[in-house]
PDB file of all heavy atoms in Angstrom:
ATOM      1  N   PHE A   1     -41.560   7.240  -5.083  1.00  0.00           N
ATOM      2  CA  PHE A   1     -41.437   6.552  -6.386  1.00  0.00           C
ATOM      3  C   PHE A   1     -40.820   5.229  -6.181  1.00  0.00           C
ATOM      4  O   PHE A   1     -39.918   4.898  -5.422  1.00  0.00           O
ATOM      5  CB  PHE A   1     -40.518   7.449  -7.311  1.00  0.00           C
ATOM      6  CG  PHE A   1     -41.169   8.478  -7.993  1.00  0.00           C
ATOM      7  CD1 PHE A   1     -42.226   9.090  -7.537  1.00  0.00           C
ATOM      8  CD2 PHE A   1     -40.741   9.055  -9.164  1.00  0.00           C
ATOM      9  CE1 PHE A   1     -42.920  10.264  -8.103  1.00  0.00           C
ATOM     10  CE2 PHE A   1     -41.323  10.152  -9.955  1.00  0.00           C
ATOM     11  CZ  PHE A   1     -42.341  10.635  -9.344  1.00  0.00           C
ATOM     12  N   ALA A   2     -41.410   4.231  -7.072  1.00  0.00           N
ATOM     13  CA  ALA A   2     -40.688   3.015  -7.360  1.00  0.00           C
ATOM     14  C   ALA A   2     -40.282   2.977  -8.794  1.00  0.00           C
ATOM     15  O   ALA A   2     -41.166   3.363  -9.687  1.00  0.00           O
ATOM     16  CB  ALA A   2     -41.705   1.838  -6.967  1.00  0.00           C
ATOM     17  N   TRP A   3     -39.106   2.588  -9.196  1.00  0.00           N
ATOM     18  CA  TRP A   3     -38.553   2.752 -10.426  1.00  0.00           C
ATOM     19  C   TRP A   3     -38.340   1.388 -11.101  1.00  0.00           C
ATOM     20  O   TRP A   3     -37.907   0.537 -10.563  1.00  0.00           O
ATOM     21  CB  TRP A   3     -37.159   3.443 -10.330  1.00  0.00           C
ATOM     22  CG  TRP A   3     -37.199   4.756  -9.709  1.00  0.00           C
ATOM     23  CD1 TRP A   3     -37.212   5.142  -8.361  1.00  0.00           C
ATOM     24  CD2 TRP A   3     -37.300   6.009 -10.437  1.00  0.00           C
ATOM     25  NE1 TRP A   3     -37.259   6.515  -8.319  1.00  0.00           N
ATOM     26  CE2 TRP A   3     -37.251   7.137  -9.579  1.00  0.00           C
ATOM     27  CE3 TRP A   3     -37.311   6.329 -11.830  1.00  0.00           C
ATOM     28  CZ2 TRP A   3     -37.340   8.412  -9.919  1.00  0.00           C
ATOM     29  CZ3 TRP A   3     -37.369   7.709 -12.219  1.00  0.00           C
ATOM     30  CH2 TRP A   3     -37.295   8.776 -11.253  1.00  0.00           C
ATOM     31  N   ALA A   4     -38.542   1.287 -12.361  1.00  0.00           N
ATOM     32  CA  ALA A   4     -38.268   0.205 -13.256  1.00  0.00           C
ATOM     33  C   ALA A   4     -36.772   0.171 -13.368  1.00  0.00           C
ATOM     34  O   ALA A   4     -36.115   1.270 -13.464  1.00  0.00           O
ATOM     35  CB  ALA A   4     -39.021   0.256 -14.515  1.00  0.00           C
ATOM     36  N   ASP A   5     -36.145  -0.965 -13.481  1.00  0.00           N
ATOM     37  CA  ASP A   5     -34.713  -1.068 -13.686  1.00  0.00           C
ATOM     38  C   ASP A   5     -34.427  -0.554 -15.015  1.00  0.00           C
ATOM     39  O   ASP A   5     -35.212  -0.792 -16.091  1.00  0.00           O
ATOM     40  CB  ASP A   5     -34.399  -2.592 -13.655  1.00  0.00           C
ATOM     41  CG  ASP A   5     -32.782  -2.725 -13.449  1.00  0.00           C
ATOM     42  OD1 ASP A   5     -32.226  -1.841 -13.209  1.00  0.00           O
ATOM     43  OD2 ASP A   5     -32.338  -3.891 -13.770  1.00  0.00           O
ATOM     44  N   GLY A   6     -33.343   0.208 -15.127  1.00  0.00           N
ATOM     45  CA  GLY A   6     -32.934   0.777 -16.399  1.00  0.00           C
ATOM     46  C   GLY A   6     -33.360   2.282 -16.582  1.00  0.00           C
ATOM     47  O   GLY A   6     -32.798   2.945 -17.501  1.00  0.00           O
ATOM     48  N   ALA A   7     -34.090   2.720 -15.614  1.00  0.00           N
ATOM     49  CA  ALA A   7     -34.521   4.206 -15.653  1.00  0.00           C
ATOM     50  C   ALA A   7     -33.239   5.155 -15.571  1.00  0.00           C
ATOM     51  O   ALA A   7     -33.150   6.157 -16.408  1.00  0.00           O
ATOM     52  CB  ALA A   7     -35.481   4.521 -14.576  1.00  0.00           C
ATOM     53  N   PHE A   8     -32.401   4.823 -14.724  1.00  0.00           N
ATOM     54  CA  PHE A   8     -31.236   5.684 -14.616  1.00  0.00           C
ATOM     55  C   PHE A   8     -30.123   5.530 -15.638  1.00  0.00           C
ATOM     56  O   PHE A   8     -29.313   6.338 -15.948  1.00  0.00           O
ATOM     57  CB  PHE A   8     -30.712   5.590 -13.137  1.00  0.00           C
ATOM     58  CG  PHE A   8     -31.590   6.306 -12.148  1.00  0.00           C
ATOM     59  CD1 PHE A   8     -32.758   5.794 -11.709  1.00  0.00           C
ATOM     60  CD2 PHE A   8     -31.322   7.543 -11.734  1.00  0.00           C
ATOM     61  CE1 PHE A   8     -33.561   6.361 -10.838  1.00  0.00           C
ATOM     62  CE2 PHE A   8     -32.062   8.208 -10.882  1.00  0.00           C
ATOM     63  CZ  PHE A   8     -33.256   7.620 -10.302  1.00  0.00           C
ATOM     64  N   ALA A   9     -30.139   4.260 -16.204  1.00  0.00           N
ATOM     65  CA  ALA A   9     -29.422   4.145 -17.463  1.00  0.00           C
ATOM     66  C   ALA A   9     -29.766   5.015 -18.505  1.00  0.00           C
ATOM     67  O   ALA A   9     -29.029   5.513 -19.327  1.00  0.00           O
ATOM     68  CB  ALA A   9     -29.430   2.641 -17.844  1.00  0.00           C
ATOM     69  N   THR A  10     -31.095   5.194 -18.658  1.00  0.00           N
ATOM     70  CA  THR A  10     -31.634   6.172 -19.676  1.00  0.00           C
ATOM     71  C   THR A  10     -31.219   7.528 -19.412  1.00  0.00           C
ATOM     72  O   THR A  10     -30.762   8.285 -20.357  1.00  0.00           O
ATOM     73  CB  THR A  10     -33.171   6.060 -19.754  1.00  0.00           C
ATOM     74  OG1 THR A  10     -33.539   4.696 -20.269  1.00  0.00           O
ATOM     75  CG2 THR A  10     -33.729   7.043 -20.676  1.00  0.00           C
ATOM     76  N   ILE A  11     -31.257   7.961 -18.095  1.00  0.00           N
ATOM     77  CA  ILE A  11     -30.876   9.314 -17.795  1.00  0.00           C
ATOM     78  C   ILE A  11     -29.348   9.437 -18.098  1.00  0.00           C
ATOM     79  O   ILE A  11     -28.901  10.603 -18.653  1.00  0.00           O
ATOM     80  CB  ILE A  11     -31.182   9.497 -16.232  1.00  0.00           C
ATOM     81  CG1 ILE A  11     -32.721   9.539 -15.971  1.00  0.00           C
ATOM     82  CG2 ILE A  11     -30.616  10.913 -15.925  1.00  0.00           C
ATOM     83  CD1 ILE A  11     -33.112   9.643 -14.494  1.00  0.00           C
ATOM     84  N   ALA A  12     -28.669   8.534 -17.693  1.00  0.00           N
ATOM     85  CA  ALA A  12     -27.124   8.553 -17.930  1.00  0.00           C
ATOM     86  C   ALA A  12     -26.884   8.712 -19.435  1.00  0.00           C
ATOM     87  O   ALA A  12     -26.016   9.577 -19.833  1.00  0.00           O
ATOM     88  CB  ALA A  12     -26.429   7.449 -17.287  1.00  0.00           C
ATOM     89  N   GLY A  13     -27.660   7.947 -20.240  1.00  0.00           N
ATOM     90  CA  GLY A  13     -27.436   8.018 -21.633  1.00  0.00           C
ATOM     91  C   GLY A  13     -27.768   9.485 -22.213  1.00  0.00           C
ATOM     92  O   GLY A  13     -26.958   9.930 -23.077  1.00  0.00           O
ATOM     93  N   HIS A  14     -28.817  10.066 -21.725  1.00  0.00           N
ATOM     94  CA  HIS A  14     -29.197  11.308 -22.257  1.00  0.00           C
ATOM     95  C   HIS A  14     -28.084  12.427 -21.823  1.00  0.00           C
ATOM     96  O   HIS A  14     -27.687  13.363 -22.623  1.00  0.00           O
ATOM     97  CB  HIS A  14     -30.497  11.745 -21.839  1.00  0.00           C
ATOM     98  CG  HIS A  14     -31.657  11.260 -22.601  1.00  0.00           C
ATOM     99  ND1 HIS A  14     -31.740  11.404 -23.918  1.00  0.00           N
ATOM    100  CD2 HIS A  14     -32.696  10.294 -22.168  1.00  0.00           C
ATOM    101  CE1 HIS A  14     -32.779  10.672 -24.229  1.00  0.00           C
ATOM    102  NE2 HIS A  14     -33.382  10.095 -23.276  1.00  0.00           N
ATOM    103  N   LEU A  15     -27.531  12.294 -20.505  1.00  0.00           N
ATOM    104  CA  LEU A  15     -26.477  13.180 -20.101  1.00  0.00           C
ATOM    105  C   LEU A  15     -25.348  12.928 -20.952  1.00  0.00           C
ATOM    106  O   LEU A  15     -24.562  13.937 -21.432  1.00  0.00           O
ATOM    107  CB  LEU A  15     -26.209  13.014 -18.689  1.00  0.00           C
ATOM    108  CG  LEU A  15     -27.390  13.342 -17.630  1.00  0.00           C
ATOM    109  CD1 LEU A  15     -27.027  13.025 -16.238  1.00  0.00           C
ATOM    110  CD2 LEU A  15     -27.892  14.770 -17.822  1.00  0.00           C
ATOM    111  N   ALA A  16     -25.019  11.767 -21.263  1.00  0.00           N
ATOM    112  CA  ALA A  16     -23.748  11.542 -22.011  1.00  0.00           C
ATOM    113  C   ALA A  16     -23.871  12.072 -23.478  1.00  0.00           C
ATOM    114  O   ALA A  16     -22.888  12.413 -24.120  1.00  0.00           O
ATOM    115  CB  ALA A  16     -23.431   9.976 -22.196  1.00  0.00           C
ATOM    116  N   ALA A  17     -25.117  12.121 -23.894  1.00  0.00           N
ATOM    117  CA  ALA A  17     -25.486  12.666 -25.280  1.00  0.00           C
ATOM    118  C   ALA A  17     -25.451  14.088 -25.348  1.00  0.00           C
ATOM    119  O   ALA A  17     -25.651  14.729 -26.458  1.00  0.00           O
ATOM    120  CB  ALA A  17     -26.804  12.100 -25.829  1.00  0.00           C
ATOM    121  N   GLY A  18     -25.203  14.775 -24.157  1.00  0.00           N
ATOM    122  CA  GLY A  18     -25.102  16.269 -24.131  1.00  0.00           C
ATOM    123  C   GLY A  18     -26.415  16.943 -23.787  1.00  0.00           C
ATOM    124  O   GLY A  18     -26.572  18.220 -23.895  1.00  0.00           O
ATOM    125  N   LYS A  19     -27.527  16.251 -23.411  1.00  0.00           N
ATOM    126  CA  LYS A  19     -28.708  16.804 -23.071  1.00  0.00           C
ATOM    127  C   LYS A  19     -28.633  17.552 -21.644  1.00  0.00           C
ATOM    128  O   LYS A  19     -27.798  17.098 -20.743  1.00  0.00           O
ATOM    129  CB  LYS A  19     -29.853  15.859 -22.854  1.00  0.00           C
ATOM    130  CG  LYS A  19     -30.210  15.046 -24.080  1.00  0.00           C
ATOM    131  CD  LYS A  19     -30.495  16.001 -25.284  1.00  0.00           C
ATOM    132  CE  LYS A  19     -30.955  15.307 -26.525  1.00  0.00           C
ATOM    133  NZ  LYS A  19     -31.272  16.179 -27.718  1.00  0.00           N
ATOM    134  N   ARG A  20     -29.071  18.708 -21.620  1.00  0.00           N
ATOM    135  CA  ARG A  20     -28.883  19.561 -20.416  1.00  0.00           C
ATOM    136  C   ARG A  20     -30.223  19.751 -19.532  1.00  0.00           C
ATOM    137  O   ARG A  20     -30.193  20.498 -18.461  1.00  0.00           O
ATOM    138  CB  ARG A  20     -28.240  20.883 -20.722  1.00  0.00           C
ATOM    139  CG  ARG A  20     -26.955  20.758 -21.503  1.00  0.00           C
ATOM    140  CD  ARG A  20     -26.320  22.030 -21.893  1.00  0.00           C
ATOM    141  NE  ARG A  20     -25.709  22.651 -20.721  1.00  0.00           N
ATOM    142  CZ  ARG A  20     -25.029  23.803 -20.828  1.00  0.00           C
ATOM    143  NH1 ARG A  20     -24.838  24.330 -21.969  1.00  0.00           N
ATOM    144  NH2 ARG A  20     -24.597  24.322 -19.735  1.00  0.00           N
ATOM    145  N   ALA A  21     -31.245  19.084 -20.066  1.00  0.00           N
ATOM    146  CA  ALA A  21     -32.508  19.000 -19.184  1.00  0.00           C
ATOM    147  C   ALA A  21     -33.263  17.831 -19.717  1.00  0.00           C
ATOM    148  O   ALA A  21     -33.193  17.454 -20.777  1.00  0.00           O
ATOM    149  CB  ALA A  21     -33.294  20.309 -19.394  1.00  0.00           C
ATOM    150  N   ILE A  22     -33.987  17.190 -18.847  1.00  0.00           N
ATOM    151  CA  ILE A  22     -34.798  15.996 -19.061  1.00  0.00           C
ATOM    152  C   ILE A  22     -36.126  16.173 -18.469  1.00  0.00           C
ATOM    153  O   ILE A  22     -36.322  16.490 -17.249  1.00  0.00           O
ATOM    154  CB  ILE A  22     -34.086  14.682 -18.594  1.00  0.00           C
ATOM    155  CG1 ILE A  22     -32.627  14.585 -19.102  1.00  0.00           C
ATOM    156  CG2 ILE A  22     -34.928  13.547 -18.811  1.00  0.00           C
ATOM    157  CD1 ILE A  22     -31.924  13.473 -18.456  1.00  0.00           C
ATOM    158  N   TYR A  23     -37.202  15.860 -19.169  1.00  0.00           N
ATOM    159  CA  TYR A  23     -38.544  15.864 -18.765  1.00  0.00           C
ATOM    160  C   TYR A  23     -39.032  14.400 -18.788  1.00  0.00           C
ATOM    161  O   TYR A  23     -38.701  13.687 -19.524  1.00  0.00           O
ATOM    162  CB  TYR A  23     -39.483  16.702 -19.743  1.00  0.00           C
ATOM    163  CG  TYR A  23     -39.442  18.162 -19.394  1.00  0.00           C
ATOM    164  CD1 TYR A  23     -38.514  18.992 -20.047  1.00  0.00           C
ATOM    165  CD2 TYR A  23     -40.518  18.718 -18.639  1.00  0.00           C
ATOM    166  CE1 TYR A  23     -38.479  20.381 -19.807  1.00  0.00           C
ATOM    167  CE2 TYR A  23     -40.494  20.194 -18.329  1.00  0.00           C
ATOM    168  CZ  TYR A  23     -39.436  20.892 -18.990  1.00  0.00           C
ATOM    169  OH  TYR A  23     -39.451  22.319 -18.784  1.00  0.00           O
ATOM    170  N   TYR A  24     -39.848  14.244 -17.751  1.00  0.00           N
ATOM    171  CA  TYR A  24     -40.301  12.800 -17.610  1.00  0.00           C
ATOM    172  C   TYR A  24     -41.645  12.824 -16.801  1.00  0.00           C
ATOM    173  O   TYR A  24     -41.745  13.756 -15.867  1.00  0.00           O
ATOM    174  CB  TYR A  24     -39.395  11.849 -16.910  1.00  0.00           C
ATOM    175  CG  TYR A  24     -39.879  10.686 -16.354  1.00  0.00           C
ATOM    176  CD1 TYR A  24     -40.206   9.574 -17.153  1.00  0.00           C
ATOM    177  CD2 TYR A  24     -40.044  10.386 -14.935  1.00  0.00           C
ATOM    178  CE1 TYR A  24     -40.700   8.341 -16.690  1.00  0.00           C
ATOM    179  CE2 TYR A  24     -40.636   9.327 -14.420  1.00  0.00           C
ATOM    180  CZ  TYR A  24     -40.855   8.297 -15.419  1.00  0.00           C
ATOM    181  OH  TYR A  24     -41.458   7.086 -14.865  1.00  0.00           O
ATOM    182  N   MET A  25     -42.595  11.934 -17.029  1.00  0.00           N
ATOM    183  CA  MET A  25     -43.871  11.990 -16.218  1.00  0.00           C
ATOM    184  C   MET A  25     -44.064  10.570 -15.698  1.00  0.00           C
ATOM    185  O   MET A  25     -44.018   9.533 -16.448  1.00  0.00           O
ATOM    186  CB  MET A  25     -45.063  12.358 -17.041  1.00  0.00           C
ATOM    187  CG  MET A  25     -46.291  12.419 -16.301  1.00  0.00           C
ATOM    188  SD  MET A  25     -46.276  13.672 -15.138  1.00  0.00           S
ATOM    189  CE  MET A  25     -48.041  13.563 -14.340  1.00  0.00           C
ATOM    190  N   CYS A  26     -44.245  10.448 -14.370  1.00  0.00           N
ATOM    191  CA  CYS A  26     -44.638   9.127 -13.759  1.00  0.00           C
ATOM    192  C   CYS A  26     -46.150   8.915 -13.704  1.00  0.00           C
ATOM    193  O   CYS A  26     -46.930   9.822 -14.066  1.00  0.00           O
ATOM    194  CB  CYS A  26     -44.010   9.026 -12.362  1.00  0.00           C
ATOM    195  SG  CYS A  26     -45.026   9.964 -11.171  1.00  0.00           S
ATOM    196  N   ILE A  27     -46.515   7.767 -13.312  1.00  0.00           N
ATOM    197  CA  ILE A  27     -47.975   7.403 -13.129  1.00  0.00           C
ATOM    198  C   ILE A  27     -48.214   7.155 -11.698  1.00  0.00           C
ATOM    199  O   ILE A  27     -47.583   6.419 -11.020  1.00  0.00           O
ATOM    200  CB  ILE A  27     -48.289   6.208 -13.873  1.00  0.00           C
ATOM    201  CG1 ILE A  27     -48.098   6.571 -15.497  1.00  0.00           C
ATOM    202  CG2 ILE A  27     -49.856   5.870 -13.884  1.00  0.00           C
ATOM    203  CD1 ILE A  27     -48.870   7.779 -16.060  1.00  0.00           C
TER     204      ILE A  27
END
């Protein structure tokens, strides 16, 4: 994978909001 900047900031935000699972689809 090659990631756009900010991808893991989004993951961290969801974890901080209490999400316990995250779905995502790459291209």
